[in-house]
Protein backbone atom coordinates (compact mmCIF):
# COMPACT_ATOMS: atom_id res chain seq x y z
CA MET A 1 -11.99 -22.02 15.67
CA ALA A 2 -11.22 -20.55 12.54
CA ILE A 3 -8.24 -19.03 10.37
CA ILE A 4 -9.91 -16.92 7.54
CA ASN A 5 -8.24 -15.98 4.23
CA PHE A 6 -9.69 -12.81 2.92
CA TYR A 7 -9.72 -10.54 0.21
CA LYS A 8 -9.72 -6.94 1.54
CA PRO A 9 -11.31 -4.62 -1.11
CA LEU A 10 -9.99 -1.24 -2.13
CA GLY A 11 -11.04 1.32 -0.18
CA TRP A 12 -12.10 -0.96 3.35
CA THR A 13 -10.42 -0.85 6.34
CA PRO A 14 -9.87 -4.19 8.34
CA PHE A 15 -12.62 -3.24 10.69
CA GLU A 16 -15.03 -3.04 7.57
CA CYS A 17 -13.50 -6.47 6.51
CA ILE A 18 -14.68 -8.17 9.94
CA GLU A 19 -17.95 -6.63 9.41
CA GLU A 20 -18.33 -8.67 6.29
CA ILE A 21 -16.94 -11.98 7.88
CA ARG A 22 -19.82 -11.68 10.43
CA ARG A 23 -22.08 -11.02 7.77
CA MET A 24 -21.16 -13.86 6.04
CA HIS A 25 -20.42 -16.36 8.73
CA PRO A 26 -23.43 -15.79 11.23
CA GLU A 27 -22.08 -18.08 13.32
CA TRP A 28 -18.99 -16.26 14.44
CA LYS A 29 -21.37 -12.96 15.09
CA ASN A 30 -20.38 -12.96 18.70
CA ASP A 31 -16.83 -14.37 18.70
CA PRO A 32 -13.87 -12.02 18.70
CA ILE A 33 -12.03 -11.64 15.44
CA THR A 34 -8.67 -10.21 14.73
CA TYR A 35 -6.43 -9.32 11.70
CA THR A 36 -2.99 -10.51 11.53
CA GLY A 37 -1.96 -7.45 9.13
CA ARG A 38 -3.17 -3.91 7.89
CA LEU A 39 -3.50 -3.02 4.47
CA ASP A 40 -3.44 0.52 3.35
CA PRO A 41 -6.79 1.82 2.10
CA MET A 42 -5.69 2.36 -1.39
CA ALA A 43 -4.33 -1.18 -1.45
CA GLU A 44 -6.38 -4.61 -1.93
CA GLY A 45 -5.47 -8.33 -1.43
CA VAL A 46 -5.07 -10.58 1.13
CA ILE A 47 -5.43 -10.55 4.96
CA VAL A 48 -5.46 -13.44 7.34
CA PHE A 49 -8.26 -13.12 10.01
CA LEU A 50 -8.40 -15.45 13.42
CA THR A 51 -11.14 -16.01 15.40
CA GLY A 52 -11.56 -17.56 18.95
CA GLU A 53 -8.55 -19.47 20.06
CA ASP A 54 -6.79 -18.86 17.06
CA ARG A 55 -5.99 -15.51 17.75
CA HIS A 56 -3.44 -16.60 20.09
CA GLN A 57 -1.65 -17.20 17.04
CA LYS A 58 -1.72 -13.86 15.63
CA GLU A 59 2.54 -12.87 16.05
CA ALA A 60 3.27 -16.24 14.18
CA PHE A 61 0.64 -15.13 11.24
CA GLN A 62 2.37 -11.52 11.50
CA ASN A 63 6.04 -12.69 10.71
CA LEU A 64 4.94 -14.54 7.62
CA ASP A 65 6.37 -13.37 4.52
CA LYS A 66 4.12 -11.81 1.83
CA THR A 67 3.74 -11.10 -2.09
CA TYR A 68 2.58 -7.88 -3.39
CA HIS A 69 2.39 -6.27 -7.08
CA ALA A 70 3.13 -2.69 -6.98
CA THR A 71 2.67 -0.07 -9.42
CA PHE A 72 5.25 2.80 -8.91
CA LEU A 73 4.80 6.08 -10.53
CA PHE A 74 7.95 8.28 -10.98
CA GLY A 75 8.56 11.93 -11.14
CA LEU A 76 6.02 12.70 -8.44
CA SER A 77 5.90 12.79 -4.87
CA SER A 78 3.56 12.53 -1.96
CA ASP A 79 3.52 13.01 1.81
CA THR A 80 2.02 9.60 2.37
CA TYR A 81 4.33 8.11 -0.23
CA ASP A 82 1.04 7.02 -2.10
CA ALA A 83 -1.38 8.35 -4.71
CA LEU A 84 -3.71 9.20 -1.77
CA GLY A 85 -1.27 11.86 -0.05
CA ILE A 86 -0.90 15.32 -1.22
CA ILE A 87 1.10 15.19 -4.47
CA GLN A 88 4.09 17.54 -5.78
CA LYS A 89 5.76 17.35 -9.05
CA GLY A 90 9.30 16.24 -9.20
CA SER A 91 11.58 16.01 -12.38
CA ASP A 92 11.74 13.35 -14.95
CA PRO A 93 13.94 10.49 -15.04
CA THR A 94 14.89 8.18 -17.90
CA ARG A 95 13.49 4.44 -18.52
CA ASP A 96 17.07 3.45 -18.20
CA GLN A 97 17.60 5.48 -14.64
CA ILE A 98 14.55 3.65 -13.52
CA GLU A 99 15.33 0.08 -14.81
CA GLN A 100 18.45 0.65 -13.05
CA ALA A 101 17.27 1.86 -9.63
CA LEU A 102 14.49 -1.15 -9.72
CA THR A 103 17.47 -3.55 -9.77
CA SER A 104 18.59 -2.41 -6.38
CA LEU A 105 15.25 -3.67 -4.86
CA PRO A 106 16.36 -7.16 -3.61
CA GLY A 107 18.07 -6.91 -0.34
CA THR A 108 17.79 -5.44 3.15
CA HIS A 109 17.07 -1.73 3.22
CA ILE A 110 17.07 0.39 6.40
CA LEU A 111 14.52 2.76 5.77
CA PRO A 112 12.27 5.32 8.17
CA PHE A 113 8.82 4.59 8.71
CA PRO A 114 6.45 6.37 6.37
CA PRO A 115 4.77 9.52 8.17
CA TYR A 116 1.45 8.35 7.60
CA ALA A 117 1.65 4.94 9.41
CA SER A 118 -0.02 3.30 12.47
CA TYR A 119 3.63 2.93 13.90
CA LYS A 120 3.58 4.44 17.24
CA VAL A 121 6.17 7.25 18.55
CA GLN A 122 5.61 8.66 22.09
CA GLY A 123 2.23 6.52 22.56
CA LYS A 124 0.66 7.85 19.33
CA PRO A 125 0.78 6.48 15.54
CA LEU A 126 2.71 8.50 13.14
CA HIS A 127 -0.36 9.22 11.41
CA TRP A 128 -1.40 11.32 14.48
CA TRP A 129 1.88 13.37 14.45
CA ALA A 130 1.74 14.53 10.69
CA GLN A 131 -2.20 15.04 10.60
CA GLN A 132 -1.39 17.57 13.72
CA HIS A 133 1.55 19.02 11.76
CA ARG A 134 4.06 18.01 14.57
CA LEU A 135 6.52 15.54 12.89
CA GLN A 136 9.45 17.94 13.39
CA GLU A 137 8.63 17.62 17.30
CA ILE A 138 9.81 13.86 17.14
CA HIS A 139 12.17 11.59 15.56
CA ILE A 140 10.66 9.30 13.11
CA PRO A 141 12.59 5.59 13.70
CA HIS A 142 14.26 3.50 10.73
CA LYS A 143 13.16 0.03 10.07
CA GLU A 144 15.05 -3.01 8.64
CA MET A 145 12.77 -4.41 5.71
CA ARG A 146 13.95 -6.77 3.29
CA VAL A 147 13.05 -7.56 -0.50
CA ASN A 148 13.87 -11.35 -0.77
CA HIS A 149 13.02 -11.46 -4.75
CA SER A 150 11.35 -9.11 -7.34
CA HIS A 151 10.44 -9.47 -10.68
CA ILE A 152 9.84 -6.20 -13.20
CA GLU A 153 6.47 -6.74 -15.08
CA THR A 154 6.58 -3.77 -16.79
CA VAL A 155 8.07 -0.59 -17.50
CA SER A 156 5.83 1.83 -19.28
CA SER A 157 4.63 5.55 -20.22
CA GLU A 158 1.11 7.03 -19.26
CA ARG A 159 -0.33 10.60 -19.98
CA LEU A 160 -1.29 12.59 -16.39
CA ASP A 161 -4.67 12.77 -17.45
CA ASN A 162 -5.01 8.87 -17.58
CA ILE A 163 -3.32 8.29 -14.55
CA ARG A 164 -5.58 10.80 -12.88
CA SER A 165 -8.78 9.18 -14.01
CA GLU A 166 -7.49 5.94 -12.59
CA VAL A 167 -6.36 7.64 -9.24
CA PHE A 168 -9.43 9.67 -8.83
CA SER A 169 -11.70 6.54 -9.33
CA ARG A 170 -9.78 4.49 -6.65
CA ILE A 171 -9.82 7.59 -4.20
CA ASP A 172 -13.68 7.81 -4.52
CA ARG A 173 -13.53 4.08 -3.05
CA VAL A 174 -11.79 4.82 -0.05
CA THR A 175 -14.21 5.55 3.07
CA GLY A 176 -13.39 7.25 6.27
CA ASN A 177 -11.44 10.55 6.43
CA PHE A 178 -8.30 10.51 4.25
CA ARG A 179 -8.15 14.16 3.19
CA GLN A 180 -9.41 12.95 -0.13
CA ALA A 181 -10.65 16.36 -1.41
CA GLN A 182 -7.01 17.56 -0.66
CA SER A 183 -5.29 14.87 -2.46
CA LYS A 184 -7.52 15.01 -5.58
CA ASP A 185 -6.74 18.85 -5.85
CA SER A 186 -2.96 18.30 -5.63
CA TRP A 187 -3.38 16.11 -8.17
CA LYS A 188 -5.64 18.53 -10.54
CA ASN A 189 -2.79 21.33 -9.95
CA LEU A 190 0.03 19.30 -11.40
CA GLY A 191 -0.63 21.08 -14.77
CA ASP A 192 -0.20 19.83 -18.34
CA SER A 193 -2.69 16.52 -18.71
CA GLU A 194 -0.69 15.56 -21.89
CA GLN A 195 2.53 15.20 -19.77
CA ASN A 196 3.73 11.57 -19.86
CA TYR A 197 5.20 9.87 -16.52
CA TRP A 198 7.09 6.43 -15.90
CA ILE A 199 5.14 3.74 -14.60
CA SER A 200 6.36 -0.03 -13.50
CA VAL A 201 4.61 -2.78 -12.31
CA VAL A 202 7.00 -5.13 -10.12
CA THR A 203 6.10 -8.20 -8.06
CA LEU A 204 7.73 -8.42 -4.70
CA ASP A 205 8.24 -10.95 -2.07
CA VAL A 206 9.03 -9.38 1.04
CA GLN A 207 9.71 -10.37 4.92
CA SER A 208 7.09 -9.10 7.07
CA GLY A 209 7.08 -5.21 8.24
CA THR A 210 8.43 -4.14 4.84
CA TYR A 211 6.44 -1.07 3.86
CA ILE A 212 6.02 -1.14 0.09
CA ARG A 213 5.47 2.78 0.23
CA ALA A 214 8.89 3.41 1.73
CA LEU A 215 10.36 1.26 -0.84
CA ALA A 216 8.93 3.52 -3.57
CA HIS A 217 10.06 6.88 -1.61
CA SER A 218 13.57 5.51 -1.29
CA LEU A 219 13.47 4.65 -5.17
CA GLY A 220 12.31 8.53 -5.75
CA ASN A 221 15.20 9.59 -3.36
CA GLN A 222 17.85 7.04 -5.24
CA LEU A 223 16.51 8.80 -8.66
CA GLY A 224 16.40 12.28 -7.35
CA CYS A 225 13.01 12.64 -9.25
CA GLY A 226 10.51 11.04 -6.51
CA ALA A 227 7.94 8.36 -6.87
CA ILE A 228 4.97 7.41 -5.36
CA LEU A 229 3.19 3.91 -4.81
CA LEU A 230 0.50 4.31 -7.54
CA SER A 231 -1.63 1.04 -6.51
CA LEU A 232 -0.96 -2.17 -4.88
CA LYS A 233 -2.00 -5.66 -4.18
CA ARG A 234 -1.02 -8.46 -1.71
CA SER A 235 -1.38 -11.85 -3.27
CA SER A 236 -0.22 -14.25 -0.65
CA VAL A 237 0.37 -14.08 3.06
CA GLY A 238 2.69 -17.25 3.44
CA SER A 239 0.93 -20.16 2.17
CA PHE A 240 -2.62 -18.15 1.96
CA LEU A 241 -3.00 -17.15 -1.58
CA GLU A 242 -5.30 -14.74 -3.33
CA ASP A 243 -7.13 -17.24 -5.22
CA GLY A 244 -8.48 -19.11 -2.34
CA SER A 245 -9.45 -16.10 -0.03
CA GLU A 246 -13.14 -15.53 0.82
CA TYR A 247 -14.89 -12.61 -0.67
CA LYS A 248 -12.75 -12.35 -3.77
CA GLU A 249 -15.57 -14.17 -6.23
CA SER A 250 -18.07 -11.35 -4.79
CA TYR A 251 -15.38 -8.54 -5.15
CA GLN A 252 -14.40 -8.39 -9.11
CA GLN A 253 -12.28 -5.70 -8.75
CA ALA A 254 -11.03 -4.69 -12.19
CA SER A 255 -7.29 -4.59 -12.66
CA PRO A 256 -5.71 -1.01 -13.03
CA HIS A 257 -5.51 0.13 -16.90
CA LEU A 258 -1.84 1.52 -16.08
């Protein structure tokens, strides 16, 4: 029937994307539509949707390599591994330490799933166990994740008040119950608004199933300072590119100023 290259706006769920696809294409109003990959609420970018008989190709599309533009923030940690979690202060790495750690990204990594993920353990998503405060009852499995190529775009320092303002703007766009108020409170409790934190923007070409949040957390552990995924954009899924995606034209999300 149809293969749809759709640009998921920041804050939307895949189901909201499906609703928009049906609105834009009334001819598919009664057709089954499925998505071939997820993006976290705080992420935006390309998702491929399939309708009708094309849904049977879902696994092939799920296995396509993906390209991301990731913004990592160093010196903080989060229970979700991104900016929408409960934030805690870490320590201050140096620029040289960060740049050295970033060079370790290409290759294969065996990492645990993020605690807030849809992967199921004992029949329930990991995020259910986390929300119930029962993670200690289960074993979080590890997964092979592979970075085919990475390119460090920038490494810069930014004041906390500027970071926080951008994060709050992004959190306010997230719909549903993702502890938005608690997350914002934890950001407010970090203290000195004039303190600077290191931020790096990295382009990553990865194999399917690679959690960029897990890579961020791993970098923080490697440096001993903590790190989170501040923002994420998926620019391609296989040969499906951001520039050719539907809804991109009407969704002009401003690029982060960080």
